[in-house]
């Protein structure tokens, strides 16, 4: 039954990366909803879906991405920020805007899964 599966929002401008992430998440038993643009991201947030965790790859987005991250925080949706490379400034900004954690690509799948499960357990 899909209604018992946690719903995860994945945001990424790179459609191939998004596809791979979704395949992984669905294999692990999660439902997914995706956004590949700020416009799609805003529409999904406006729908007030029961999103339990969001994964936000900020690569290629302008600073408006932080406004959307603030909306996640306001809706009490925990989120992880995915970065293409180590950047202290962006890591700090991610935390300021409400990120629970930051992961540097390439992703370590076990670490990603552990963080997702930890965020889900914290909500239970």
PDB file of N, CA and C in Angstrom:
ATOM      1  N   UNK A   1       0.837  -1.187   0.000  1.00  0.00           N
ATOM      2  CA  UNK A   1       0.000   0.000   0.000  1.00  0.00           C
ATOM      3  C   UNK A   1       0.876   1.243   0.000  1.00  0.00           C
ATOM      4  N   UNK A   2       0.683   2.074  -0.941  1.00  0.00           N
ATOM      5  CA  UNK A   2       1.542   3.241  -1.070  1.00  0.00           C
ATOM      6  C   UNK A   2       1.308   4.284   0.004  1.00  0.00           C
ATOM      7  N   UNK A   3       0.115   4.303   0.620  1.00  0.00           N
ATOM      8  CA  UNK A   3      -0.141   5.353   1.599  1.00  0.00           C
ATOM      9  C   UNK A   3       0.732   5.214   2.844  1.00  0.00           C
ATOM     10  N   UNK A   4       1.320   4.036   3.073  1.00  0.00           N
ATOM     11  CA  UNK A   4       2.197   3.846   4.220  1.00  0.00           C
ATOM     12  C   UNK A   4       3.647   4.183   3.905  1.00  0.00           C
ATOM     13  N   UNK A   5       3.937   4.406   2.656  1.00  0.00           N
ATOM     14  CA  UNK A   5       5.307   4.729   2.269  1.00  0.00           C
ATOM     15  C   UNK A   5       5.544   6.220   2.460  1.00  0.00           C
ATOM     16  N   UNK A   6       6.660   6.583   3.105  1.00  0.00           N
ATOM     17  CA  UNK A   6       6.975   8.009   3.273  1.00  0.00           C
ATOM     18  C   UNK A   6       7.146   8.696   1.917  1.00  0.00           C
ATOM     19  N   UNK A   7       6.666   9.934   1.833  1.00  0.00           N
ATOM     20  CA  UNK A   7       6.770  10.723   0.606  1.00  0.00           C
ATOM     21  C   UNK A   7       7.988  11.634   0.689  1.00  0.00           C
ATOM     22  N   UNK A   8       8.872  11.497  -0.288  1.00  0.00           N
ATOM     23  CA  UNK A   8      10.097  12.291  -0.343  1.00  0.00           C
ATOM     24  C   UNK A   8      10.064  13.180  -1.578  1.00  0.00           C
ATOM     25  N   UNK A   9      10.342  14.451  -1.368  1.00  0.00           N
ATOM     26  CA  UNK A   9      10.476  15.413  -2.461  1.00  0.00           C
ATOM     27  C   UNK A   9      11.941  15.466  -2.863  1.00  0.00           C
ATOM     28  N   UNK A  10      12.211  15.275  -4.144  1.00  0.00           N
ATOM     29  CA  UNK A  10      13.569  15.385  -4.677  1.00  0.00           C
ATOM     30  C   UNK A  10      13.595  16.549  -5.663  1.00  0.00           C
ATOM     31  N   UNK A  11      14.533  17.469  -5.447  1.00  0.00           N
ATOM     32  CA  UNK A  11      14.663  18.652  -6.301  1.00  0.00           C
ATOM     33  C   UNK A  11      16.056  18.641  -6.912  1.00  0.00           C
ATOM     34  N   UNK A  12      16.112  18.675  -8.243  1.00  0.00           N
ATOM     35  CA  UNK A  12      17.400  18.653  -8.944  1.00  0.00           C
ATOM     36  C   UNK A  12      17.168  19.138 -10.370  1.00  0.00           C
ATOM     37  N   UNK A  13      18.004  20.026 -10.854  1.00  0.00           N
ATOM     38  CA  UNK A  13      17.883  20.511 -12.241  1.00  0.00           C
ATOM     39  C   UNK A  13      18.374  19.488 -13.257  1.00  0.00           C
ATOM     40  N   UNK A  14      19.231  18.582 -12.828  1.00  0.00           N
ATOM     41  CA  UNK A  14      19.790  17.572 -13.715  1.00  0.00           C
ATOM     42  C   UNK A  14      18.832  16.378 -13.771  1.00  0.00           C
ATOM     43  N   UNK A  15      18.169  16.202 -14.908  1.00  0.00           N
ATOM     44  CA  UNK A  15      17.136  15.168 -15.011  1.00  0.00           C
ATOM     45  C   UNK A  15      17.699  13.759 -14.833  1.00  0.00           C
ATOM     46  N   UNK A  16      18.915  13.518 -15.290  1.00  0.00           N
ATOM     47  CA  UNK A  16      19.510  12.176 -15.128  1.00  0.00           C
ATOM     48  C   UNK A  16      19.777  11.885 -13.653  1.00  0.00           C
ATOM     49  N   UNK A  17      20.353  12.841 -12.939  1.00  0.00           N
ATOM     50  CA  UNK A  17      20.596  12.646 -11.507  1.00  0.00           C
ATOM     51  C   UNK A  17      19.281  12.441 -10.761  1.00  0.00           C
ATOM     52  N   UNK A  18      18.273  13.197 -11.146  1.00  0.00           N
ATOM     53  CA  UNK A  18      16.958  13.091 -10.516  1.00  0.00           C
ATOM     54  C   UNK A  18      16.371  11.696 -10.753  1.00  0.00           C
ATOM     55  N   UNK A  19      16.500  11.216 -11.974  1.00  0.00           N
ATOM     56  CA  UNK A  19      16.002   9.882 -12.320  1.00  0.00           C
ATOM     57  C   UNK A  19      16.697   8.803 -11.489  1.00  0.00           C
ATOM     58  N   UNK A  20      18.022   8.896 -11.361  1.00  0.00           N
ATOM     59  CA  UNK A  20      18.775   7.915 -10.575  1.00  0.00           C
ATOM     60  C   UNK A  20      18.386   7.962  -9.101  1.00  0.00           C
ATOM     61  N   UNK A  21      18.228   9.165  -8.574  1.00  0.00           N
ATOM     62  CA  UNK A  21      17.842   9.326  -7.177  1.00  0.00           C
ATOM     63  C   UNK A  21      16.459   8.725  -6.929  1.00  0.00           C
ATOM     64  N   UNK A  22      15.529   8.985  -7.829  1.00  0.00           N
ATOM     65  CA  UNK A  22      14.166   8.468  -7.690  1.00  0.00           C
ATOM     66  C   UNK A  22      14.159   6.944  -7.754  1.00  0.00           C
ATOM     67  N   UNK A  23      14.913   6.378  -8.686  1.00  0.00           N
ATOM     68  CA  UNK A  23      14.991   4.916  -8.779  1.00  0.00           C
ATOM     69  C   UNK A  23      15.485   4.325  -7.466  1.00  0.00           C
ATOM     70  N   UNK A  24      16.516   4.921  -6.911  1.00  0.00           N
ATOM     71  CA  UNK A  24      17.066   4.445  -5.641  1.00  0.00           C
ATOM     72  C   UNK A  24      16.031   4.548  -4.521  1.00  0.00           C
ATOM     73  N   UNK A  25      15.410   5.715  -4.393  1.00  0.00           N
ATOM     74  CA  UNK A  25      14.445   5.933  -3.309  1.00  0.00           C
ATOM     75  C   UNK A  25      13.255   4.980  -3.412  1.00  0.00           C
ATOM     76  N   UNK A  26      12.760   4.785  -4.611  1.00  0.00           N
ATOM     77  CA  UNK A  26      11.614   3.894  -4.792  1.00  0.00           C
ATOM     78  C   UNK A  26      11.992   2.442  -4.514  1.00  0.00           C
ATOM     79  N   UNK A  27      13.208   2.052  -4.877  1.00  0.00           N
ATOM     80  CA  UNK A  27      13.697   0.706  -4.552  1.00  0.00           C
ATOM     81  C   UNK A  27      13.766   0.498  -3.038  1.00  0.00           C
ATOM     82  N   UNK A  28      14.045   1.581  -2.323  1.00  0.00           N
ATOM     83  CA  UNK A  28      14.140   1.514  -0.861  1.00  0.00           C
ATOM     84  C   UNK A  28      12.780   1.640  -0.181  1.00  0.00           C
ATOM     85  N   UNK A  29      11.707   1.737  -0.969  1.00  0.00           N
ATOM     86  CA  UNK A  29      10.367   1.723  -0.414  1.00  0.00           C
ATOM     87  C   UNK A  29       9.740   3.078  -0.156  1.00  0.00           C
ATOM     88  N   UNK A  30      10.287   4.125  -0.755  1.00  0.00           N
ATOM     89  CA  UNK A  30       9.730   5.462  -0.568  1.00  0.00           C
ATOM     90  C   UNK A  30       8.873   5.855  -1.767  1.00  0.00           C
ATOM     91  N   UNK A  31       7.873   6.692  -1.524  1.00  0.00           N
ATOM     92  CA  UNK A  31       7.150   7.366  -2.602  1.00  0.00           C
ATOM     93  C   UNK A  31       7.949   8.626  -2.920  1.00  0.00           C
ATOM     94  N   UNK A  32       7.857   9.080  -4.147  1.00  0.00           N
ATOM     95  CA  UNK A  32       8.612  10.276  -4.511  1.00  0.00           C
ATOM     96  C   UNK A  32       7.760  11.258  -5.301  1.00  0.00           C
ATOM     97  N   UNK A  33       8.137  12.502  -5.172  1.00  0.00           N
ATOM     98  CA  UNK A  33       7.616  13.568  -6.010  1.00  0.00           C
ATOM     99  C   UNK A  33       8.842  14.395  -6.387  1.00  0.00           C
ATOM    100  N   UNK A  34       8.885  14.870  -7.632  1.00  0.00           N
ATOM    101  CA  UNK A  34      10.095  15.549  -8.094  1.00  0.00           C
ATOM    102  C   UNK A  34       9.818  16.949  -8.610  1.00  0.00           C
ATOM    103  N   UNK A  35      10.865  17.753  -8.538  1.00  0.00           N
ATOM    104  CA  UNK A  35      10.838  19.094  -9.126  1.00  0.00           C
ATOM    105  C   UNK A  35      12.188  19.321  -9.789  1.00  0.00           C
ATOM    106  N   UNK A  36      12.150  19.803 -11.031  1.00  0.00           N
ATOM    107  CA  UNK A  36      13.400  20.087 -11.737  1.00  0.00           C
ATOM    108  C   UNK A  36      13.558  21.577 -12.046  1.00  0.00           C
ATOM    109  N   UNK A  37      12.697  22.391 -11.431  1.00  0.00           N
ATOM    110  CA  UNK A  37      12.794  23.843 -11.597  1.00  0.00           C
ATOM    111  C   UNK A  37      12.227  24.509 -10.352  1.00  0.00           C
ATOM    112  N   UNK A  38      12.546  25.780 -10.182  1.00  0.00           N
ATOM    113  CA  UNK A  38      11.995  26.524  -9.048  1.00  0.00           C
ATOM    114  C   UNK A  38      10.478  26.628  -9.154  1.00  0.00           C
ATOM    115  N   UNK A  39       9.980  26.733 -10.369  1.00  0.00           N
ATOM    116  CA  UNK A  39       8.538  26.823 -10.578  1.00  0.00           C
ATOM    117  C   UNK A  39       7.836  25.542 -10.120  1.00  0.00           C
ATOM    118  N   UNK A  40       8.381  24.386 -10.518  1.00  0.00           N
ATOM    119  CA  UNK A  40       7.805  23.108 -10.082  1.00  0.00           C
ATOM    120  C   UNK A  40       7.895  22.955  -8.569  1.00  0.00           C
ATOM    121  N   UNK A  41       9.028  23.364  -8.016  1.00  0.00           N
ATOM    122  CA  UNK A  41       9.248  23.307  -6.572  1.00  0.00           C
ATOM    123  C   UNK A  41       8.159  24.118  -5.865  1.00  0.00           C
ATOM    124  N   UNK A  42       7.905  25.331  -6.338  1.00  0.00           N
ATOM    125  CA  UNK A  42       6.891  26.200  -5.731  1.00  0.00           C
ATOM    126  C   UNK A  42       5.495  25.582  -5.837  1.00  0.00           C
ATOM    127  N   UNK A  43       5.182  24.996  -6.982  1.00  0.00           N
ATOM    128  CA  UNK A  43       3.866  24.365  -7.164  1.00  0.00           C
ATOM    129  C   UNK A  43       3.659  23.205  -6.196  1.00  0.00           C
ATOM    130  N   UNK A  44       4.678  22.398  -6.038  1.00  0.00           N
ATOM    131  CA  UNK A  44       4.576  21.259  -5.118  1.00  0.00           C
ATOM    132  C   UNK A  44       4.380  21.742  -3.689  1.00  0.00           C
ATOM    133  N   UNK A  45       5.120  22.769  -3.292  1.00  0.00           N
ATOM    134  CA  UNK A  45       4.964  23.299  -1.935  1.00  0.00           C
ATOM    135  C   UNK A  45       3.573  23.883  -1.729  1.00  0.00           C
ATOM    136  N   UNK A  46       3.023  24.506  -2.756  1.00  0.00           N
ATOM    137  CA  UNK A  46       1.685  25.108  -2.658  1.00  0.00           C
ATOM    138  C   UNK A  46       0.593  24.049  -2.523  1.00  0.00           C
ATOM    139  N   UNK A  47       0.853  22.851  -3.031  1.00  0.00           N
ATOM    140  CA  UNK A  47      -0.137  21.771  -2.955  1.00  0.00           C
ATOM    141  C   UNK A  47      -0.281  21.211  -1.547  1.00  0.00           C
ATOM    142  N   UNK A  48       0.667  21.534  -0.679  1.00  0.00           N
ATOM    143  CA  UNK A  48       0.652  21.061   0.708  1.00  0.00           C
ATOM    144  C   UNK A  48       0.534  19.540   0.798  1.00  0.00           C
ATOM    145  N   UNK A  49       1.297  18.857  -0.042  1.00  0.00           N
ATOM    146  CA  UNK A  49       1.329  17.396   0.014  1.00  0.00           C
ATOM    147  C   UNK A  49       1.969  16.966   1.336  1.00  0.00           C
ATOM    148  N   UNK A  50       1.704  15.739   1.767  1.00  0.00           N
ATOM    149  CA  UNK A  50       2.288  15.268   3.036  1.00  0.00           C
ATOM    150  C   UNK A  50       3.745  14.817   2.867  1.00  0.00           C
ATOM    151  N   UNK A  51       4.578  15.727   2.412  1.00  0.00           N
ATOM    152  CA  UNK A  51       5.997  15.429   2.200  1.00  0.00           C
ATOM    153  C   UNK A  51       6.655  15.268   3.567  1.00  0.00           C
ATOM    154  N   UNK A  52       7.427  14.198   3.715  1.00  0.00           N
ATOM    155  CA  UNK A  52       8.062  13.943   5.004  1.00  0.00           C
ATOM    156  C   UNK A  52       9.530  14.336   5.033  1.00  0.00           C
ATOM    157  N   UNK A  53      10.188  14.300   3.886  1.00  0.00           N
ATOM    158  CA  UNK A  53      11.595  14.694   3.782  1.00  0.00           C
ATOM    159  C   UNK A  53      11.805  15.248   2.374  1.00  0.00           C
ATOM    160  N   UNK A  54      12.686  16.240   2.258  1.00  0.00           N
ATOM    161  CA  UNK A  54      13.051  16.772   0.942  1.00  0.00           C
ATOM    162  C   UNK A  54      14.562  16.669   0.759  1.00  0.00           C
ATOM    163  N   UNK A  55      14.956  16.349  -0.458  1.00  0.00           N
ATOM    164  CA  UNK A  55      16.366  16.303  -0.850  1.00  0.00           C
ATOM    165  C   UNK A  55      16.551  17.372  -1.908  1.00  0.00           C
ATOM    166  N   UNK A  56      17.361  18.379  -1.603  1.00  0.00           N
ATOM    167  CA  UNK A  56      17.498  19.536  -2.479  1.00  0.00           C
ATOM    168  C   UNK A  56      18.926  19.624  -3.007  1.00  0.00           C
ATOM    169  N   UNK A  57      19.101  19.344  -4.303  1.00  0.00           N
ATOM    170  CA  UNK A  57      20.398  19.544  -4.954  1.00  0.00           C
ATOM    171  C   UNK A  57      20.391  20.975  -5.473  1.00  0.00           C
ATOM    172  N   UNK A  58      21.188  21.831  -4.868  1.00  0.00           N
ATOM    173  CA  UNK A  58      21.131  23.253  -5.209  1.00  0.00           C
ATOM    174  C   UNK A  58      21.920  23.610  -6.460  1.00  0.00           C
ATOM    175  N   UNK A  59      22.617  22.659  -7.059  1.00  0.00           N
ATOM    176  CA  UNK A  59      23.406  22.918  -8.266  1.00  0.00           C
ATOM    177  C   UNK A  59      22.548  23.529  -9.368  1.00  0.00           C
ATOM    178  N   UNK A  60      23.004  24.629  -9.924  1.00  0.00           N
ATOM    179  CA  UNK A  60      22.330  25.233 -11.068  1.00  0.00           C
ATOM    180  C   UNK A  60      21.160  26.135 -10.736  1.00  0.00           C
ATOM    181  N   UNK A  61      20.795  26.230  -9.472  1.00  0.00           N
ATOM    182  CA  UNK A  61      19.703  27.121  -9.083  1.00  0.00           C
ATOM    183  C   UNK A  61      20.260  28.473  -8.655  1.00  0.00           C
ATOM    184  N   UNK A  62      19.460  29.515  -8.819  1.00  0.00           N
ATOM    185  CA  UNK A  62      19.877  30.832  -8.332  1.00  0.00           C
ATOM    186  C   UNK A  62      19.542  30.947  -6.845  1.00  0.00           C
ATOM    187  N   UNK A  63      19.776  32.106  -6.282  1.00  0.00           N
ATOM    188  CA  UNK A  63      19.588  32.308  -4.842  1.00  0.00           C
ATOM    189  C   UNK A  63      18.136  32.154  -4.397  1.00  0.00           C
ATOM    190  N   UNK A  64      17.216  32.154  -5.331  1.00  0.00           N
ATOM    191  CA  UNK A  64      15.807  31.976  -4.985  1.00  0.00           C
ATOM    192  C   UNK A  64      15.542  30.593  -4.378  1.00  0.00           C
ATOM    193  N   UNK A  65      16.444  29.661  -4.589  1.00  0.00           N
ATOM    194  CA  UNK A  65      16.290  28.330  -3.995  1.00  0.00           C
ATOM    195  C   UNK A  65      16.142  28.430  -2.482  1.00  0.00           C
ATOM    196  N   UNK A  66      16.817  29.425  -1.881  1.00  0.00           N
ATOM    197  CA  UNK A  66      16.761  29.570  -0.418  1.00  0.00           C
ATOM    198  C   UNK A  66      15.363  29.980   0.049  1.00  0.00           C
ATOM    199  N   UNK A  67      14.641  30.738  -0.756  1.00  0.00           N
ATOM    200  CA  UNK A  67      13.263  31.101  -0.412  1.00  0.00           C
ATOM    201  C   UNK A  67      12.410  29.837  -0.316  1.00  0.00           C
ATOM    202  N   UNK A  68      12.621  28.926  -1.227  1.00  0.00           N
ATOM    203  CA  UNK A  68      11.878  27.668  -1.227  1.00  0.00           C
ATOM    204  C   UNK A  68      12.288  26.802  -0.033  1.00  0.00           C
ATOM    205  N   UNK A  69      13.565  26.837   0.307  1.00  0.00           N
ATOM    206  CA  UNK A  69      14.026  26.095   1.486  1.00  0.00           C
ATOM    207  C   UNK A  69      13.382  26.658   2.752  1.00  0.00           C
ATOM    208  N   UNK A  70      13.236  27.970   2.800  1.00  0.00           N
ATOM    209  CA  UNK A  70      12.552  28.602   3.940  1.00  0.00           C
ATOM    210  C   UNK A  70      11.105  28.112   4.026  1.00  0.00           C
ATOM    211  N   UNK A  71      10.461  27.939   2.879  1.00  0.00           N
ATOM    212  CA  UNK A  71       9.085  27.432   2.872  1.00  0.00           C
ATOM    213  C   UNK A  71       9.027  26.011   3.426  1.00  0.00           C
ATOM    214  N   UNK A  72      10.014  25.202   3.076  1.00  0.00           N
ATOM    215  CA  UNK A  72      10.079  23.852   3.639  1.00  0.00           C
ATOM    216  C   UNK A  72      10.153  23.935   5.158  1.00  0.00           C
ATOM    217  N   UNK A  73      11.022  24.799   5.637  1.00  0.00           N
ATOM    218  CA  UNK A  73      11.185  24.952   7.082  1.00  0.00           C
ATOM    219  C   UNK A  73       9.874  25.407   7.723  1.00  0.00           C
ATOM    220  N   UNK A  74       9.197  26.376   7.100  1.00  0.00           N
ATOM    221  CA  UNK A  74       7.920  26.877   7.630  1.00  0.00           C
ATOM    222  C   UNK A  74       6.842  25.797   7.649  1.00  0.00           C
ATOM    223  N   UNK A  75       6.929  24.857   6.706  1.00  0.00           N
ATOM    224  CA  UNK A  75       5.958  23.756   6.654  1.00  0.00           C
ATOM    225  C   UNK A  75       6.418  22.553   7.486  1.00  0.00           C
ATOM    226  N   UNK A  76       7.509  22.741   8.234  1.00  0.00           N
ATOM    227  CA  UNK A  76       8.069  21.677   9.082  1.00  0.00           C
ATOM    228  C   UNK A  76       8.448  20.427   8.296  1.00  0.00           C
ATOM    229  N   UNK A  77       8.984  20.636   7.103  1.00  0.00           N
ATOM    230  CA  UNK A  77       9.469  19.526   6.282  1.00  0.00           C
ATOM    231  C   UNK A  77      10.994  19.525   6.391  1.00  0.00           C
ATOM    232  N   UNK A  78      11.570  18.509   7.027  1.00  0.00           N
ATOM    233  CA  UNK A  78      13.030  18.466   7.124  1.00  0.00           C
ATOM    234  C   UNK A  78      13.638  18.237   5.745  1.00  0.00           C
ATOM    235  N   UNK A  79      14.792  18.859   5.519  1.00  0.00           N
ATOM    236  CA  UNK A  79      15.424  18.682   4.215  1.00  0.00           C
ATOM    237  C   UNK A  79      16.936  18.600   4.323  1.00  0.00           C
ATOM    238  N   UNK A  80      17.503  17.906   3.340  1.00  0.00           N
ATOM    239  CA  UNK A  80      18.943  17.768   3.184  1.00  0.00           C
ATOM    240  C   UNK A  80      19.341  18.534   1.938  1.00  0.00           C
ATOM    241  N   UNK A  81      20.472  19.206   2.002  1.00  0.00           N
ATOM    242  CA  UNK A  81      20.998  19.915   0.840  1.00  0.00           C
ATOM    243  C   UNK A  81      22.141  19.088   0.258  1.00  0.00           C
ATOM    244  N   UNK A  82      22.096  18.896  -1.048  1.00  0.00           N
ATOM    245  CA  UNK A  82      23.139  18.171  -1.771  1.00  0.00           C
ATOM    246  C   UNK A  82      23.987  19.190  -2.510  1.00  0.00           C
ATOM    247  N   UNK A  83      25.299  19.100  -2.310  1.00  0.00           N
ATOM    248  CA  UNK A  83      26.226  20.057  -2.918  1.00  0.00           C
ATOM    249  C   UNK A  83      27.161  19.351  -3.886  1.00  0.00           C
ATOM    250  N   UNK A  84      27.548  20.035  -4.970  1.00  0.00           N
ATOM    251  CA  UNK A  84      28.472  19.432  -5.926  1.00  0.00           C
ATOM    252  C   UNK A  84      29.905  19.369  -5.404  1.00  0.00           C
ATOM    253  N   UNK A  85      30.239  20.260  -4.471  1.00  0.00           N
ATOM    254  CA  UNK A  85      31.593  20.268  -3.903  1.00  0.00           C
ATOM    255  C   UNK A  85      31.545  20.935  -2.534  1.00  0.00           C
ATOM    256  N   UNK A  86      32.594  20.716  -1.789  1.00  0.00           N
ATOM    257  CA  UNK A  86      32.709  21.295  -0.453  1.00  0.00           C
ATOM    258  C   UNK A  86      32.747  22.819  -0.556  1.00  0.00           C
ATOM    259  N   UNK A  87      31.902  23.489   0.211  1.00  0.00           N
ATOM    260  CA  UNK A  87      31.892  24.951   0.259  1.00  0.00           C
ATOM    261  C   UNK A  87      31.384  25.375   1.627  1.00  0.00           C
ATOM    262  N   UNK A  88      32.272  25.921   2.434  1.00  0.00           N
ATOM    263  CA  UNK A  88      31.893  26.339   3.786  1.00  0.00           C
ATOM    264  C   UNK A  88      30.785  27.389   3.746  1.00  0.00           C
ATOM    265  N   UNK A  89      30.857  28.317   2.798  1.00  0.00           N
ATOM    266  CA  UNK A  89      29.855  29.385   2.714  1.00  0.00           C
ATOM    267  C   UNK A  89      28.471  28.823   2.386  1.00  0.00           C
ATOM    268  N   UNK A  90      28.405  27.911   1.424  1.00  0.00           N
ATOM    269  CA  UNK A  90      27.111  27.338   1.050  1.00  0.00           C
ATOM    270  C   UNK A  90      26.607  26.401   2.145  1.00  0.00           C
ATOM    271  N   UNK A  91      27.507  25.689   2.799  1.00  0.00           N
ATOM    272  CA  UNK A  91      27.087  24.841   3.913  1.00  0.00           C
ATOM    273  C   UNK A  91      26.467  25.695   5.011  1.00  0.00           C
ATOM    274  N   UNK A  92      27.106  26.815   5.330  1.00  0.00           N
ATOM    275  CA  UNK A  92      26.581  27.716   6.352  1.00  0.00           C
ATOM    276  C   UNK A  92      25.215  28.260   5.935  1.00  0.00           C
ATOM    277  N   UNK A  93      25.112  28.682   4.687  1.00  0.00           N
ATOM    278  CA  UNK A  93      23.841  29.221   4.194  1.00  0.00           C
ATOM    279  C   UNK A  93      22.741  28.158   4.233  1.00  0.00           C
ATOM    280  N   UNK A  94      23.092  26.930   3.904  1.00  0.00           N
ATOM    281  CA  UNK A  94      22.122  25.832   3.950  1.00  0.00           C
ATOM    282  C   UNK A  94      21.567  25.658   5.356  1.00  0.00           C
ATOM    283  N   UNK A  95      22.438  25.688   6.336  1.00  0.00           N
ATOM    284  CA  UNK A  95      22.009  25.524   7.725  1.00  0.00           C
ATOM    285  C   UNK A  95      21.177  26.710   8.194  1.00  0.00           C
ATOM    286  N   UNK A  96      21.574  27.915   7.789  1.00  0.00           N
ATOM    287  CA  UNK A  96      20.816  29.118   8.150  1.00  0.00           C
ATOM    288  C   UNK A  96      19.386  29.027   7.629  1.00  0.00           C
ATOM    289  N   UNK A  97      19.216  28.446   6.453  1.00  0.00           N
ATOM    290  CA  UNK A  97      17.888  28.352   5.836  1.00  0.00           C
ATOM    291  C   UNK A  97      17.124  27.093   6.237  1.00  0.00           C
ATOM    292  N   UNK A  98      17.674  26.335   7.175  1.00  0.00           N
ATOM    293  CA  UNK A  98      16.914  25.236   7.760  1.00  0.00           C
ATOM    294  C   UNK A  98      17.313  23.823   7.407  1.00  0.00           C
ATOM    295  N   UNK A  99      18.380  23.640   6.637  1.00  0.00           N
ATOM    296  CA  UNK A  99      18.789  22.281   6.274  1.00  0.00           C
ATOM    297  C   UNK A  99      19.165  21.484   7.523  1.00  0.00           C
ATOM    298  N   UNK A 100      18.747  20.227   7.558  1.00  0.00           N
ATOM    299  CA  UNK A 100      19.110  19.344   8.661  1.00  0.00           C
ATOM    300  C   UNK A 100      20.547  18.873   8.516  1.00  0.00           C
ATOM    301  N   UNK A 101      20.986  18.717   7.272  1.00  0.00           N
ATOM    302  CA  UNK A 101      22.336  18.246   7.007  1.00  0.00           C
ATOM    303  C   UNK A 101      22.694  18.582   5.565  1.00  0.00           C
ATOM    304  N   UNK A 102      23.976  18.437   5.264  1.00  0.00           N
ATOM    305  CA  UNK A 102      24.492  18.704   3.926  1.00  0.00           C
ATOM    306  C   UNK A 102      25.283  17.478   3.488  1.00  0.00           C
ATOM    307  N   UNK A 103      25.068  17.051   2.255  1.00  0.00           N
ATOM    308  CA  UNK A 103      25.834  15.952   1.689  1.00  0.00           C
ATOM    309  C   UNK A 103      26.563  16.453   0.452  1.00  0.00           C
ATOM    310  N   UNK A 104      27.809  16.023   0.310  1.00  0.00           N
ATOM    311  CA  UNK A 104      28.630  16.403  -0.839  1.00  0.00           C
ATOM    312  C   UNK A 104      28.590  15.262  -1.854  1.00  0.00           C
ATOM    313  N   UNK A 105      28.385  15.621  -3.125  1.00  0.00           N
ATOM    314  CA  UNK A 105      28.376  14.621  -4.191  1.00  0.00           C
ATOM    315  C   UNK A 105      29.812  14.249  -4.551  1.00  0.00           C
ATOM    316  N   UNK A 106      30.055  13.031  -4.989  1.00  0.00           N
ATOM    317  CA  UNK A 106      29.082  11.966  -5.184  1.00  0.00           C
ATOM    318  C   UNK A 106      28.550  11.463  -3.840  1.00  0.00           C
ATOM    319  N   UNK A 107      27.272  11.124  -3.839  1.00  0.00           N
ATOM    320  CA  UNK A 107      26.610  10.709  -2.609  1.00  0.00           C
ATOM    321  C   UNK A 107      27.064   9.322  -2.174  1.00  0.00           C
ATOM    322  N   UNK A 108      27.193   9.172  -0.868  1.00  0.00           N
ATOM    323  CA  UNK A 108      27.415   7.859  -0.278  1.00  0.00           C
ATOM    324  C   UNK A 108      26.018   7.356   0.084  1.00  0.00           C
ATOM    325  N   UNK A 109      25.559   6.359  -0.650  1.00  0.00           N
ATOM    326  CA  UNK A 109      24.177   5.907  -0.550  1.00  0.00           C
ATOM    327  C   UNK A 109      23.801   5.491   0.870  1.00  0.00           C
ATOM    328  N   UNK A 110      24.685   4.770   1.548  1.00  0.00           N
ATOM    329  CA  UNK A 110      24.375   4.347   2.921  1.00  0.00           C
ATOM    330  C   UNK A 110      24.183   5.548   3.837  1.00  0.00           C
ATOM    331  N   UNK A 111      25.002   6.574   3.644  1.00  0.00           N
ATOM    332  CA  UNK A 111      24.884   7.786   4.460  1.00  0.00           C
ATOM    333  C   UNK A 111      23.570   8.512   4.152  1.00  0.00           C
ATOM    334  N   UNK A 112      23.229   8.632   2.882  1.00  0.00           N
ATOM    335  CA  UNK A 112      21.976   9.272   2.483  1.00  0.00           C
ATOM    336  C   UNK A 112      20.785   8.539   3.089  1.00  0.00           C
ATOM    337  N   UNK A 113      20.774   7.233   2.964  1.00  0.00           N
ATOM    338  CA  UNK A 113      19.675   6.433   3.493  1.00  0.00           C
ATOM    339  C   UNK A 113      19.583   6.558   5.015  1.00  0.00           C
ATOM    340  N   UNK A 114      20.716   6.542   5.692  1.00  0.00           N
ATOM    341  CA  UNK A 114      20.726   6.684   7.153  1.00  0.00           C
ATOM    342  C   UNK A 114      20.167   8.040   7.570  1.00  0.00           C
ATOM    343  N   UNK A 115      20.534   9.096   6.856  1.00  0.00           N
ATOM    344  CA  UNK A 115      20.018  10.428   7.178  1.00  0.00           C
ATOM    345  C   UNK A 115      18.510  10.517   6.935  1.00  0.00           C
ATOM    346  N   UNK A 116      18.046   9.971   5.831  1.00  0.00           N
ATOM    347  CA  UNK A 116      16.607   9.983   5.539  1.00  0.00           C
ATOM    348  C   UNK A 116      15.850   9.248   6.643  1.00  0.00           C
ATOM    349  N   UNK A 117      16.322   8.068   6.990  1.00  0.00           N
ATOM    350  CA  UNK A 117      15.633   7.281   8.030  1.00  0.00           C
ATOM    351  C   UNK A 117      15.671   7.989   9.377  1.00  0.00           C
ATOM    352  N   UNK A 118      16.776   8.642   9.672  1.00  0.00           N
ATOM    353  CA  UNK A 118      16.889   9.396  10.922  1.00  0.00           C
ATOM    354  C   UNK A 118      15.873  10.537  10.964  1.00  0.00           C
ATOM    355  N   UNK A 119      15.727  11.249   9.858  1.00  0.00           N
ATOM    356  CA  UNK A 119      14.752  12.344   9.800  1.00  0.00           C
ATOM    357  C   UNK A 119      13.321  11.822   9.925  1.00  0.00           C
ATOM    358  N   UNK A 120      13.053  10.683   9.316  1.00  0.00           N
ATOM    359  CA  UNK A 120      11.714  10.094   9.409  1.00  0.00           C
ATOM    360  C   UNK A 120      11.411   9.640  10.839  1.00  0.00           C
ATOM    361  N   UNK A 121      12.397   9.038  11.487  1.00  0.00           N
ATOM    362  CA  UNK A 121      12.209   8.587  12.871  1.00  0.00           C
ATOM    363  C   UNK A 121      11.996   9.765  13.809  1.00  0.00           C
ATOM    364  N   UNK A 122      12.674  10.868  13.552  1.00  0.00           N
ATOM    365  CA  UNK A 122      12.536  12.051  14.406  1.00  0.00           C
ATOM    366  C   UNK A 122      11.118  12.616  14.342  1.00  0.00           C
ATOM    367  N   UNK A 123      10.424  12.373  13.233  1.00  0.00           N
ATOM    368  CA  UNK A 123       9.052  12.869  13.076  1.00  0.00           C
ATOM    369  C   UNK A 123       8.023  11.944  13.710  1.00  0.00           C
ATOM    370  N   UNK A 124       8.411  10.686  13.911  1.00  0.00           N
ATOM    371  CA  UNK A 124       7.450   9.681  14.418  1.00  0.00           C
ATOM    372  C   UNK A 124       7.075   9.920  15.871  1.00  0.00           C
TER     373      UNK A 124
END
